[in-house]
Amino acid sequence: MTETVTPPRTAAGNIKTRAGRDEEFTAFVESAATRLRRSAYLMCRDWHLAQDLTQQTFTKMYAAWGRIRTGTNLDGYSRRVLMNLVFDRHQRRSGSEIVLAELPDRSDAAAAGTPELRLALVDALATLTVEDRAVLVLRHAEDHSVDTVATILGVSVSVVKMRNSRALARLRTLLGEDFAEH
């Protein structure tokens, strides 16, 4: 009877394997960081917090990298981790939010894409629930299909459609009908 003998693992072999995984992870981070940071900003309106949420997303992914690096949609996985972090943060902070009696004045931007218009849109997004913001950011800022957004958020397609419709109606109310022309 012949026994199969596996060679002992050497420290150098483990280092090579770890270095390869780290290179793969670094490449993923470089390709996804800007997208995730932008989505995080649209969700929380704070570049520093967006950077923190992005880093937390990468930290959680690195911890699971050996398991998720193959056979997983890494972009979808990273979006889901980010949205979970945003939702968790929102739940922890919900008691400390400042509620305003009236919305601040918004500037009338003359053309689409102007900084004033973008700021007005970001301010209006901030008035929505975190779930509605997530749907709008994923659906319109990142241009994902309804099915993809439903998968990322772990909800049904009908929930995504309903939230999207209500959130867009709310934005139109806040920004005025002139905004739709831009």
Protein backbone atom coordinates (compact mmCIF):
# COMPACT_ATOMS: atom_id res chain seq x y z
CA MET A 1 0.00 0.00 0.00
CA THR A 2 1.42 3.33 -1.02
CA GLU A 3 0.95 6.38 1.09
CA THR A 4 0.67 9.79 -0.42
CA VAL A 5 3.06 12.11 1.29
CA THR A 6 2.51 15.82 1.02
CA PRO A 7 5.58 17.95 1.36
CA PRO A 8 5.72 20.06 4.49
CA ARG A 9 4.72 23.67 4.06
CA THR A 10 7.61 26.01 4.38
CA ALA A 11 7.51 29.50 5.73
CA ALA A 12 8.71 30.76 2.35
CA GLY A 13 5.79 29.04 0.59
CA ASN A 14 3.29 30.62 2.96
CA ILE A 15 4.87 34.02 2.45
CA LYS A 16 4.66 33.61 -1.33
CA THR A 17 1.00 32.63 -1.09
CA ARG A 18 0.22 35.51 1.27
CA ALA A 19 2.11 37.93 -0.98
CA GLY A 20 0.06 36.78 -3.98
CA ARG A 21 -3.20 37.20 -2.08
CA ASP A 22 -2.10 40.62 -0.87
CA GLU A 23 -1.28 41.65 -4.43
CA GLU A 24 -4.73 40.53 -5.59
CA PHE A 25 -6.36 42.43 -2.74
CA THR A 26 -4.30 45.55 -3.46
CA ALA A 27 -5.33 45.43 -7.12
CA PHE A 28 -8.98 45.14 -6.08
CA VAL A 29 -8.67 48.06 -3.65
CA GLU A 30 -7.08 50.23 -6.32
CA SER A 31 -9.88 49.45 -8.78
CA ALA A 32 -12.78 49.87 -6.32
CA ALA A 33 -11.72 52.60 -3.87
CA THR A 34 -12.95 55.63 -5.82
CA ARG A 35 -16.33 54.07 -6.59
CA LEU A 36 -16.91 52.97 -3.00
CA ARG A 37 -15.78 56.31 -1.55
CA ARG A 38 -18.15 58.20 -3.89
CA SER A 39 -21.07 55.96 -2.94
CA ALA A 40 -20.24 56.34 0.75
CA TYR A 41 -20.14 60.12 0.36
CA LEU A 42 -23.53 60.18 -1.33
CA MET A 43 -24.88 58.16 1.57
CA CYS A 44 -23.39 60.24 4.42
CA ARG A 45 -22.37 63.66 2.93
CA ASP A 46 -19.03 63.68 4.73
CA TRP A 47 -15.81 62.92 2.84
CA HIS A 48 -13.94 61.95 6.02
CA LEU A 49 -16.67 59.57 7.12
CA ALA A 50 -16.91 58.23 3.55
CA GLN A 51 -13.18 57.48 3.67
CA ASP A 52 -13.61 55.74 7.04
CA LEU A 53 -16.51 53.65 5.75
CA THR A 54 -14.51 52.71 2.66
CA GLN A 55 -11.56 51.66 4.81
CA GLN A 56 -13.85 49.63 7.07
CA THR A 57 -15.27 47.93 3.99
CA PHE A 58 -11.78 46.97 2.83
CA THR A 59 -10.83 45.81 6.33
CA LYS A 60 -13.81 43.47 6.49
CA MET A 61 -13.08 42.21 2.99
CA TYR A 62 -9.41 41.61 3.76
CA ALA A 63 -10.38 39.50 6.77
CA ALA A 64 -12.49 37.30 4.49
CA TRP A 65 -10.25 37.57 1.41
CA GLY A 66 -9.11 33.95 1.41
CA ARG A 67 -12.74 32.85 1.24
CA ILE A 68 -14.17 35.48 -1.13
CA ARG A 69 -11.36 36.15 -3.59
CA THR A 70 -12.47 33.46 -6.01
CA GLY A 71 -16.00 32.66 -7.03
CA THR A 72 -17.46 35.85 -5.55
CA ASN A 73 -18.65 39.00 -7.29
CA LEU A 74 -16.23 41.29 -5.46
CA ASP A 75 -17.86 44.53 -6.63
CA GLY A 76 -21.26 43.37 -5.39
CA TYR A 77 -19.77 42.03 -2.17
CA SER A 78 -17.99 45.34 -1.50
CA ARG A 79 -21.18 47.33 -2.12
CA ARG A 80 -23.11 45.10 0.27
CA VAL A 81 -20.46 45.45 2.99
CA LEU A 82 -20.45 49.24 2.51
CA MET A 83 -24.24 49.48 2.67
CA ASN A 84 -24.31 47.31 5.81
CA LEU A 85 -21.78 49.65 7.43
CA VAL A 86 -23.83 52.70 6.44
CA PHE A 87 -27.05 51.13 7.76
CA ASP A 88 -25.34 50.08 11.02
CA ARG A 89 -23.89 53.56 11.50
CA HIS A 90 -27.24 55.15 10.79
CA GLN A 91 -28.98 52.95 13.38
CA ARG A 92 -26.39 53.81 16.03
CA ARG A 93 -26.61 57.54 15.27
CA SER A 94 -30.35 57.88 14.72
CA GLY A 95 -30.90 59.33 18.20
CA SER A 96 -28.28 62.04 17.73
CA GLU A 97 -29.43 63.52 14.43
CA ILE A 98 -30.35 67.17 14.24
CA VAL A 99 -33.83 67.84 12.92
CA LEU A 100 -34.47 71.19 11.24
CA ALA A 101 -37.87 72.84 11.23
CA GLU A 102 -37.34 74.07 7.69
CA LEU A 103 -35.07 72.94 4.92
CA PRO A 104 -32.16 75.29 4.23
CA ASP A 105 -32.49 77.50 1.16
CA ARG A 106 -31.15 75.94 -1.98
CA SER A 107 -29.43 77.79 -4.75
CA ASP A 108 -30.93 77.86 -8.24
CA ALA A 109 -28.35 76.30 -10.51
CA ALA A 110 -28.51 77.48 -14.10
CA ALA A 111 -27.11 74.41 -15.78
CA ALA A 112 -26.91 70.70 -15.09
CA GLY A 113 -23.66 69.55 -13.58
CA THR A 114 -22.81 72.81 -11.86
CA PRO A 115 -21.41 72.59 -8.35
CA GLU A 116 -24.50 74.36 -7.01
CA LEU A 117 -26.78 71.78 -8.60
CA ARG A 118 -24.73 68.89 -7.25
CA LEU A 119 -24.73 70.40 -3.76
CA ALA A 120 -28.49 70.94 -3.91
CA LEU A 121 -28.94 67.31 -4.93
CA VAL A 122 -26.64 66.02 -2.16
CA ASP A 123 -28.49 68.19 0.39
CA ALA A 124 -31.83 66.85 -0.85
CA LEU A 125 -30.54 63.26 -0.69
CA ALA A 126 -29.65 63.84 2.97
CA THR A 127 -33.31 64.43 3.80
CA LEU A 128 -34.26 60.93 2.62
CA THR A 129 -34.11 57.81 4.74
CA VAL A 130 -30.87 55.88 4.55
CA GLU A 131 -32.66 53.04 2.76
CA ASP A 132 -34.08 55.39 0.11
CA ARG A 133 -30.66 57.00 -0.35
CA ALA A 134 -29.12 53.56 -0.83
CA VAL A 135 -31.62 52.73 -3.57
CA LEU A 136 -31.06 56.04 -5.38
CA VAL A 137 -27.27 55.90 -5.09
CA LEU A 138 -27.06 52.32 -6.33
CA ARG A 139 -29.75 52.72 -8.98
CA HIS A 140 -28.89 56.14 -10.41
CA ALA A 141 -25.41 57.20 -9.28
CA GLU A 142 -23.91 53.75 -9.89
CA ASP A 143 -26.38 52.85 -12.68
CA HIS A 144 -27.30 49.36 -11.48
CA SER A 145 -30.39 47.49 -12.58
CA VAL A 146 -33.35 47.09 -10.24
CA ASP A 147 -32.51 43.39 -9.87
CA THR A 148 -28.90 44.15 -8.93
CA VAL A 149 -29.94 46.77 -6.36
CA ALA A 150 -32.40 44.30 -4.84
CA THR A 151 -29.66 41.69 -4.56
CA ILE A 152 -27.15 44.13 -3.02
CA LEU A 153 -29.65 45.39 -0.45
CA GLY A 154 -31.23 42.02 0.21
CA VAL A 155 -34.77 43.18 -0.59
CA SER A 156 -37.32 42.31 -3.26
CA VAL A 157 -37.46 43.96 -6.67
CA SER A 158 -40.83 45.49 -5.80
CA VAL A 159 -39.33 47.13 -2.69
CA VAL A 160 -36.59 48.68 -4.82
CA LYS A 161 -39.12 49.97 -7.35
CA MET A 162 -41.37 51.39 -4.63
CA ARG A 163 -38.50 53.08 -2.77
CA ASN A 164 -37.06 54.44 -6.00
CA SER A 165 -40.38 55.91 -7.06
CA ARG A 166 -41.10 57.48 -3.68
CA ALA A 167 -37.58 58.82 -3.27
CA LEU A 168 -37.56 60.41 -6.73
CA ALA A 169 -40.96 61.99 -6.04
CA ARG A 170 -39.60 63.36 -2.76
CA LEU A 171 -36.54 64.78 -4.54
CA ARG A 172 -38.76 66.44 -7.16
CA THR A 173 -40.80 68.01 -4.36
CA LEU A 174 -37.70 69.24 -2.55
CA LEU A 175 -35.85 70.48 -5.62
CA GLY A 176 -38.80 71.74 -7.61
CA GLU A 177 -39.96 70.94 -11.11
CA ASP A 178 -37.17 73.08 -12.60
CA PHE A 179 -34.70 70.48 -11.41
CA ALA A 180 -36.20 67.81 -13.69
CA GLU A 181 -35.26 69.93 -16.71
CA HIS A 182 -31.55 69.68 -15.86
